[in-house]
């Protein structure tokens, strides 16, 4: 098997706006985590080629592959976000309104308008006839019936 090739961040610290510095550090941490997981996966695969994997190693390999896919997606999203942040700082956030509209559309996709909103305008049974009935009075009435 060939040697493990570490991933790198597709951005440089100078490509990020001042506000994006913290997000850039988090992105670097995710890339480091991805590299550690990929290196572990590479070691397990080398051992697999020798035919010596235990059940735990096979489970770990599957978990690592799932985690790698998730981290790669998160890294791609974070890089795109940082690129948009830099472009927005330079020229007035092109596409910012489109992004908000796209999010609202995505949230409402498949939404039929019936949610679990509690309607406070509906009167409770105790207030329907213009009188307030305490729970003790309701309990006495229920016991009497």
N, C-alpha and C. Protein backbone atom coordinates (compact mmCIF):
# COMPACT_ATOMS: atom_id res chain seq x y z
N UNK A 1 0.83 -1.19 0.00
CA UNK A 1 0.00 0.00 0.00
C UNK A 1 0.87 1.24 0.00
N UNK A 2 0.40 2.28 -0.63
CA UNK A 2 1.18 3.51 -0.71
C UNK A 2 1.11 4.28 0.62
N UNK A 3 1.96 5.27 0.73
CA UNK A 3 2.07 6.06 1.95
C UNK A 3 0.85 6.97 2.11
N UNK A 4 0.49 7.21 3.35
CA UNK A 4 -0.63 8.08 3.68
C UNK A 4 -0.34 9.52 3.24
N UNK A 5 -1.30 10.15 2.57
CA UNK A 5 -1.16 11.53 2.11
C UNK A 5 -2.08 12.43 2.96
N UNK A 6 -1.52 13.29 3.81
CA UNK A 6 -2.36 14.14 4.65
C UNK A 6 -3.12 15.19 3.84
N UNK A 7 -4.30 15.54 4.33
CA UNK A 7 -5.12 16.58 3.72
C UNK A 7 -4.61 17.94 4.20
N UNK A 8 -4.88 18.97 3.43
CA UNK A 8 -4.52 20.33 3.84
C UNK A 8 -5.73 21.23 3.68
N UNK A 9 -5.70 22.35 4.36
CA UNK A 9 -6.78 23.33 4.24
C UNK A 9 -6.64 24.00 2.89
N UNK A 10 -7.75 24.18 2.19
CA UNK A 10 -7.74 24.80 0.87
C UNK A 10 -7.61 26.31 0.92
N UNK A 11 -7.51 26.86 2.12
CA UNK A 11 -7.39 28.30 2.30
C UNK A 11 -6.12 28.60 3.07
N UNK A 12 -5.71 29.84 3.00
CA UNK A 12 -4.58 30.32 3.79
C UNK A 12 -5.14 31.32 4.80
N UNK A 13 -4.43 31.53 5.89
CA UNK A 13 -4.89 32.47 6.91
C UNK A 13 -5.10 33.86 6.31
N UNK A 14 -4.32 34.21 5.28
CA UNK A 14 -4.48 35.52 4.65
C UNK A 14 -5.73 35.59 3.77
N UNK A 15 -6.30 34.42 3.42
CA UNK A 15 -7.51 34.39 2.60
C UNK A 15 -8.77 34.59 3.43
N UNK A 16 -8.62 34.66 4.75
CA UNK A 16 -9.76 34.73 5.65
C UNK A 16 -9.88 36.13 6.22
N UNK A 17 -11.12 36.61 6.37
CA UNK A 17 -11.33 37.93 6.96
C UNK A 17 -10.96 37.89 8.44
N UNK A 18 -10.86 39.05 9.05
CA UNK A 18 -10.49 39.12 10.47
C UNK A 18 -11.52 38.39 11.33
N UNK A 19 -12.76 38.53 10.98
CA UNK A 19 -13.83 37.87 11.74
C UNK A 19 -13.80 36.36 11.58
N UNK A 20 -13.25 35.89 10.49
CA UNK A 20 -13.23 34.46 10.22
C UNK A 20 -12.05 33.73 10.84
N UNK A 21 -11.24 34.42 11.62
CA UNK A 21 -10.06 33.82 12.21
C UNK A 21 -10.38 32.63 13.11
N UNK A 22 -11.39 32.78 13.94
CA UNK A 22 -11.77 31.70 14.85
C UNK A 22 -12.31 30.51 14.06
N UNK A 23 -13.11 30.78 13.06
CA UNK A 23 -13.65 29.71 12.22
C UNK A 23 -12.54 29.01 11.46
N UNK A 24 -11.53 29.77 11.05
CA UNK A 24 -10.39 29.19 10.34
C UNK A 24 -9.61 28.24 11.26
N UNK A 25 -9.44 28.62 12.52
CA UNK A 25 -8.76 27.75 13.48
C UNK A 25 -9.55 26.45 13.67
N UNK A 26 -10.87 26.56 13.77
CA UNK A 26 -11.70 25.37 13.90
C UNK A 26 -11.58 24.49 12.66
N UNK A 27 -11.50 25.13 11.50
CA UNK A 27 -11.33 24.38 10.26
C UNK A 27 -10.00 23.64 10.27
N UNK A 28 -8.94 24.31 10.71
CA UNK A 28 -7.64 23.65 10.79
C UNK A 28 -7.69 22.45 11.75
N UNK A 29 -8.40 22.60 12.87
CA UNK A 29 -8.53 21.51 13.83
C UNK A 29 -9.26 20.32 13.22
N UNK A 30 -10.30 20.62 12.43
CA UNK A 30 -11.04 19.54 11.77
C UNK A 30 -10.17 18.81 10.76
N UNK A 31 -9.34 19.55 10.05
CA UNK A 31 -8.44 18.93 9.07
C UNK A 31 -7.43 18.05 9.80
N UNK A 32 -6.91 18.54 10.94
CA UNK A 32 -5.97 17.72 11.72
C UNK A 32 -6.64 16.44 12.21
N UNK A 33 -7.88 16.56 12.68
CA UNK A 33 -8.62 15.38 13.14
C UNK A 33 -8.84 14.42 11.98
N UNK A 34 -9.19 14.96 10.82
CA UNK A 34 -9.38 14.13 9.64
C UNK A 34 -8.09 13.38 9.29
N UNK A 35 -6.96 14.09 9.35
CA UNK A 35 -5.68 13.45 9.05
C UNK A 35 -5.36 12.33 10.03
N UNK A 36 -5.64 12.55 11.32
CA UNK A 36 -5.39 11.49 12.31
C UNK A 36 -6.24 10.26 12.03
N UNK A 37 -7.52 10.48 11.71
CA UNK A 37 -8.42 9.36 11.43
C UNK A 37 -8.01 8.65 10.15
N UNK A 38 -7.62 9.42 9.14
CA UNK A 38 -7.19 8.81 7.88
C UNK A 38 -5.90 8.01 8.06
N UNK A 39 -4.99 8.50 8.91
CA UNK A 39 -3.76 7.77 9.17
C UNK A 39 -4.06 6.45 9.89
N UNK A 40 -4.97 6.51 10.87
CA UNK A 40 -5.37 5.29 11.58
C UNK A 40 -6.01 4.29 10.60
N UNK A 41 -6.86 4.80 9.73
CA UNK A 41 -7.51 3.94 8.74
C UNK A 41 -6.47 3.33 7.81
N UNK A 42 -5.49 4.12 7.43
CA UNK A 42 -4.43 3.62 6.55
C UNK A 42 -3.66 2.47 7.24
N UNK A 43 -3.35 2.64 8.52
CA UNK A 43 -2.64 1.58 9.26
C UNK A 43 -3.48 0.31 9.34
N UNK A 44 -4.77 0.47 9.59
CA UNK A 44 -5.65 -0.70 9.67
C UNK A 44 -5.73 -1.39 8.31
N UNK A 45 -5.80 -0.61 7.24
CA UNK A 45 -5.86 -1.20 5.88
C UNK A 45 -4.57 -1.97 5.56
N UNK A 46 -3.41 -1.45 5.98
CA UNK A 46 -2.16 -2.18 5.77
C UNK A 46 -2.20 -3.53 6.48
N UNK A 47 -2.73 -3.51 7.70
CA UNK A 47 -2.83 -4.76 8.47
C UNK A 47 -3.85 -5.69 7.81
N UNK A 48 -4.90 -5.09 7.23
CA UNK A 48 -5.93 -5.88 6.54
C UNK A 48 -5.32 -6.61 5.34
N UNK A 49 -4.38 -5.96 4.65
CA UNK A 49 -3.72 -6.57 3.50
C UNK A 49 -2.94 -7.81 3.93
N UNK A 50 -2.47 -7.82 5.17
CA UNK A 50 -1.76 -8.97 5.71
C UNK A 50 -2.73 -10.04 6.19
N UNK A 51 -4.02 -9.68 6.30
CA UNK A 51 -5.05 -10.64 6.68
C UNK A 51 -5.15 -10.86 8.18
N UNK A 52 -4.86 -9.85 8.98
CA UNK A 52 -4.84 -10.03 10.42
C UNK A 52 -5.76 -9.05 11.16
N UNK A 53 -6.97 -8.87 10.72
CA UNK A 53 -7.87 -7.92 11.39
C UNK A 53 -8.77 -8.63 12.39
N UNK A 54 -8.88 -8.04 13.56
CA UNK A 54 -9.83 -8.56 14.56
C UNK A 54 -11.20 -7.94 14.27
N UNK A 55 -12.19 -8.43 14.98
CA UNK A 55 -13.55 -7.90 14.80
C UNK A 55 -13.61 -6.42 15.20
N UNK A 56 -12.92 -6.07 16.29
CA UNK A 56 -12.89 -4.68 16.74
C UNK A 56 -12.24 -3.75 15.74
N UNK A 57 -11.20 -4.24 15.08
CA UNK A 57 -10.54 -3.42 14.07
C UNK A 57 -11.43 -3.22 12.85
N UNK A 58 -12.19 -4.24 12.50
CA UNK A 58 -13.12 -4.09 11.37
C UNK A 58 -14.20 -3.07 11.70
N UNK A 59 -14.71 -3.10 12.94
CA UNK A 59 -15.72 -2.12 13.36
C UNK A 59 -15.12 -0.71 13.37
N UNK A 60 -13.89 -0.61 13.85
CA UNK A 60 -13.22 0.68 13.91
C UNK A 60 -12.99 1.24 12.50
N UNK A 61 -12.66 0.37 11.58
CA UNK A 61 -12.45 0.77 10.19
C UNK A 61 -13.74 1.33 9.60
N UNK A 62 -14.86 0.66 9.84
CA UNK A 62 -16.15 1.13 9.34
C UNK A 62 -16.52 2.47 9.98
N UNK A 63 -16.29 2.59 11.29
CA UNK A 63 -16.61 3.85 11.98
C UNK A 63 -15.72 4.98 11.46
N UNK A 64 -14.45 4.68 11.23
CA UNK A 64 -13.53 5.70 10.71
C UNK A 64 -13.96 6.18 9.34
N UNK A 65 -14.37 5.27 8.48
CA UNK A 65 -14.78 5.66 7.13
C UNK A 65 -16.02 6.56 7.17
N UNK A 66 -16.95 6.24 8.07
CA UNK A 66 -18.13 7.09 8.20
C UNK A 66 -17.73 8.47 8.73
N UNK A 67 -16.83 8.49 9.70
CA UNK A 67 -16.37 9.76 10.28
C UNK A 67 -15.59 10.59 9.26
N UNK A 68 -14.81 9.92 8.42
CA UNK A 68 -14.05 10.62 7.37
C UNK A 68 -15.01 11.32 6.41
N UNK A 69 -16.04 10.61 5.98
CA UNK A 69 -17.01 11.21 5.06
C UNK A 69 -17.69 12.42 5.69
N UNK A 70 -18.05 12.29 6.98
CA UNK A 70 -18.72 13.40 7.67
C UNK A 70 -17.77 14.60 7.80
N UNK A 71 -16.53 14.35 8.21
CA UNK A 71 -15.57 15.44 8.36
C UNK A 71 -15.26 16.12 7.03
N UNK A 72 -15.15 15.35 5.96
CA UNK A 72 -14.88 15.95 4.65
C UNK A 72 -16.02 16.87 4.24
N UNK A 73 -17.25 16.47 4.51
CA UNK A 73 -18.40 17.33 4.19
C UNK A 73 -18.37 18.60 5.05
N UNK A 74 -18.06 18.46 6.35
CA UNK A 74 -17.99 19.62 7.24
C UNK A 74 -16.88 20.57 6.81
N UNK A 75 -15.75 20.02 6.41
CA UNK A 75 -14.62 20.85 5.98
C UNK A 75 -14.98 21.61 4.70
N UNK A 76 -15.62 20.93 3.76
CA UNK A 76 -16.01 21.60 2.51
C UNK A 76 -16.98 22.74 2.79
N UNK A 77 -17.93 22.50 3.69
CA UNK A 77 -18.91 23.53 4.05
C UNK A 77 -18.21 24.71 4.73
N UNK A 78 -17.30 24.41 5.66
CA UNK A 78 -16.60 25.47 6.38
C UNK A 78 -15.72 26.29 5.43
N UNK A 79 -15.04 25.62 4.51
CA UNK A 79 -14.21 26.36 3.54
C UNK A 79 -15.07 27.27 2.67
N UNK A 80 -16.20 26.75 2.21
CA UNK A 80 -17.08 27.57 1.38
C UNK A 80 -17.60 28.76 2.17
N UNK A 81 -17.93 28.54 3.42
CA UNK A 81 -18.42 29.62 4.27
C UNK A 81 -17.36 30.68 4.48
N UNK A 82 -16.13 30.25 4.71
CA UNK A 82 -15.04 31.22 4.89
C UNK A 82 -14.76 31.98 3.60
N UNK A 83 -14.85 31.31 2.48
CA UNK A 83 -14.65 32.00 1.20
C UNK A 83 -15.73 33.06 0.98
N UNK A 84 -16.99 32.70 1.30
CA UNK A 84 -18.08 33.66 1.17
C UNK A 84 -17.88 34.82 2.13
N UNK A 85 -17.38 34.52 3.33
CA UNK A 85 -17.14 35.58 4.32
C UNK A 85 -16.10 36.56 3.84
N UNK A 86 -15.06 36.08 3.22
CA UNK A 86 -14.01 36.95 2.69
C UNK A 86 -14.55 37.77 1.52
N UNK A 87 -15.32 37.12 0.65
CA UNK A 87 -15.89 37.84 -0.49
C UNK A 87 -16.89 38.88 -0.01
N UNK A 88 -17.65 38.54 1.03
CA UNK A 88 -18.63 39.47 1.57
C UNK A 88 -17.97 40.67 2.20
N UNK A 89 -16.85 40.47 2.87
CA UNK A 89 -16.13 41.57 3.50
C UNK A 89 -15.53 42.49 2.44
N UNK A 90 -15.17 41.91 1.30
CA UNK A 90 -14.54 42.70 0.25
C UNK A 90 -15.56 43.46 -0.59
N UNK A 91 -16.76 42.88 -0.78
CA UNK A 91 -17.66 43.53 -1.73
C UNK A 91 -19.11 43.58 -1.36
N UNK A 92 -19.47 43.58 -0.11
CA UNK A 92 -20.86 43.78 0.24
C UNK A 92 -21.69 42.52 0.21
N UNK A 93 -21.14 41.38 0.50
CA UNK A 93 -21.85 40.11 0.65
C UNK A 93 -22.70 39.75 -0.56
N UNK A 94 -22.07 39.47 -1.69
CA UNK A 94 -22.87 39.04 -2.83
C UNK A 94 -23.53 37.71 -2.54
N UNK A 95 -24.82 37.63 -2.85
CA UNK A 95 -25.55 36.39 -2.66
C UNK A 95 -26.03 36.18 -1.24
N UNK A 96 -25.84 37.13 -0.34
CA UNK A 96 -26.27 36.96 1.04
C UNK A 96 -27.79 36.87 1.11
N UNK A 97 -28.48 37.70 0.35
CA UNK A 97 -29.94 37.65 0.36
C UNK A 97 -30.42 36.34 -0.24
N UNK A 98 -29.73 35.86 -1.27
CA UNK A 98 -30.10 34.58 -1.87
C UNK A 98 -29.96 33.46 -0.87
N UNK A 99 -28.91 33.47 -0.06
CA UNK A 99 -28.68 32.43 0.94
C UNK A 99 -29.80 32.41 1.96
N UNK A 100 -30.25 33.58 2.39
CA UNK A 100 -31.34 33.63 3.36
C UNK A 100 -32.62 33.10 2.74
N UNK A 101 -32.87 33.45 1.50
CA UNK A 101 -34.07 32.96 0.82
C UNK A 101 -34.00 31.46 0.63
N UNK A 102 -32.81 30.95 0.26
CA UNK A 102 -32.65 29.52 0.07
C UNK A 102 -32.89 28.76 1.36
N UNK A 103 -32.41 29.31 2.49
CA UNK A 103 -32.61 28.66 3.78
C UNK A 103 -34.09 28.62 4.14
N UNK A 104 -34.79 29.74 3.93
CA UNK A 104 -36.21 29.79 4.24
C UNK A 104 -36.98 28.81 3.36
N UNK A 105 -36.61 28.71 2.10
CA UNK A 105 -37.26 27.78 1.20
C UNK A 105 -36.99 26.34 1.64
N UNK A 106 -35.77 26.05 2.03
CA UNK A 106 -35.41 24.70 2.47
C UNK A 106 -36.15 24.33 3.74
N UNK A 107 -36.33 25.28 4.64
CA UNK A 107 -37.03 25.00 5.89
C UNK A 107 -38.51 24.75 5.65
N UNK A 108 -39.08 25.43 4.67
CA UNK A 108 -40.50 25.30 4.40
C UNK A 108 -40.84 24.21 3.40
N UNK A 109 -39.82 23.55 2.84
CA UNK A 109 -40.07 22.50 1.87
C UNK A 109 -40.83 21.37 2.54
N UNK A 110 -41.95 20.99 1.98
CA UNK A 110 -42.75 19.91 2.53
C UNK A 110 -43.51 20.32 3.77
N UNK A 111 -43.62 21.59 4.06
CA UNK A 111 -44.30 22.07 5.25
C UNK A 111 -45.74 22.37 4.87
N UNK A 112 -46.69 21.73 5.55
CA UNK A 112 -48.09 21.91 5.20
C UNK A 112 -48.76 23.02 5.99
N UNK A 113 -48.04 23.71 6.85
CA UNK A 113 -48.61 24.82 7.59
C UNK A 113 -49.23 24.40 8.91
N UNK A 114 -49.38 23.12 9.17
CA UNK A 114 -49.96 22.65 10.42
C UNK A 114 -48.83 22.25 11.35
N UNK A 115 -48.56 23.10 12.31
CA UNK A 115 -47.50 22.77 13.26
C UNK A 115 -48.10 22.64 14.65
N UNK A 116 -47.26 22.44 15.61
CA UNK A 116 -47.71 22.21 16.98
C UNK A 116 -47.76 23.49 17.78
N UNK A 117 -48.08 24.58 17.14
CA UNK A 117 -48.18 25.86 17.81
C UNK A 117 -49.35 25.82 18.78
N UNK A 118 -49.12 26.26 20.01
CA UNK A 118 -50.17 26.28 21.01
C UNK A 118 -50.99 27.54 20.83
N UNK A 119 -52.25 27.38 20.53
CA UNK A 119 -53.13 28.51 20.30
C UNK A 119 -53.66 29.02 21.62
N UNK A 120 -53.19 30.19 22.05
CA UNK A 120 -53.60 30.75 23.33
C UNK A 120 -54.92 31.52 23.24
N UNK A 121 -55.46 31.66 22.05
CA UNK A 121 -56.73 32.39 21.91
C UNK A 121 -57.92 31.50 22.19
N UNK A 122 -57.74 30.19 22.17
CA UNK A 122 -58.84 29.28 22.45
C UNK A 122 -59.05 29.24 23.95
N UNK A 123 -60.29 29.40 24.36
CA UNK A 123 -60.60 29.40 25.79
C UNK A 123 -60.66 27.96 26.30
N UNK A 124 -60.19 27.80 27.51
CA UNK A 124 -60.25 26.47 28.12
C UNK A 124 -61.70 26.17 28.50
N UNK A 125 -61.98 24.93 28.82
CA UNK A 125 -63.34 24.54 29.20
C UNK A 125 -63.82 25.32 30.39
N UNK A 126 -62.92 25.61 31.32
CA UNK A 126 -63.33 26.30 32.54
C UNK A 126 -63.71 27.76 32.26
N UNK A 127 -63.25 28.33 31.16
CA UNK A 127 -63.54 29.73 30.88
C UNK A 127 -64.56 29.90 29.75
N UNK A 128 -65.06 28.86 29.20
CA UNK A 128 -65.96 28.97 28.06
C UNK A 128 -67.27 29.65 28.39
N UNK A 129 -67.77 29.47 29.59
CA UNK A 129 -69.07 30.02 29.93
C UNK A 129 -68.97 31.29 30.77
N UNK A 130 -67.82 31.93 30.69
CA UNK A 130 -67.66 33.22 31.34
C UNK A 130 -67.35 33.13 32.82
N UNK A 131 -67.12 31.97 33.33
CA UNK A 131 -66.77 31.87 34.74
C UNK A 131 -65.49 31.06 34.88
N UNK A 132 -64.74 31.41 35.84
CA UNK A 132 -63.49 30.69 36.09
C UNK A 132 -63.76 29.63 37.15
N UNK A 133 -63.40 28.43 36.84
CA UNK A 133 -63.63 27.31 37.75
C UNK A 133 -62.27 26.77 38.16
N UNK A 134 -62.06 26.67 39.46
CA UNK A 134 -60.77 26.15 39.93
C UNK A 134 -60.73 24.65 39.73
N UNK A 135 -59.56 24.09 39.79
CA UNK A 135 -59.44 22.64 39.60
C UNK A 135 -60.08 21.89 40.76
N UNK A 136 -60.14 22.53 41.94
CA UNK A 136 -60.79 21.88 43.07
C UNK A 136 -62.30 21.80 42.85
N UNK A 137 -62.86 22.87 42.29
CA UNK A 137 -64.29 22.86 41.99
C UNK A 137 -64.60 21.83 40.90
N UNK A 138 -63.75 21.72 39.89
CA UNK A 138 -63.95 20.73 38.84
C UNK A 138 -63.88 19.33 39.42
N UNK A 139 -62.96 19.12 40.35
CA UNK A 139 -62.81 17.81 40.97
C UNK A 139 -64.06 17.47 41.78
N UNK A 140 -64.61 18.45 42.52
CA UNK A 140 -65.84 18.22 43.29
C UNK A 140 -67.00 17.91 42.37
N UNK A 141 -67.09 18.67 41.25
CA UNK A 141 -68.16 18.43 40.29
C UNK A 141 -68.04 17.06 39.67
N UNK A 142 -66.83 16.65 39.36
CA UNK A 142 -66.61 15.34 38.76
C UNK A 142 -66.94 14.24 39.74
N UNK A 143 -66.61 14.46 41.02
CA UNK A 143 -66.90 13.45 42.05
C UNK A 143 -68.41 13.36 42.29
N UNK A 144 -69.12 14.49 42.17
CA UNK A 144 -70.56 14.50 42.39
C UNK A 144 -71.29 13.77 41.26
N UNK A 145 -70.74 13.79 40.06
CA UNK A 145 -71.41 13.15 38.91
C UNK A 145 -71.07 11.74 38.91
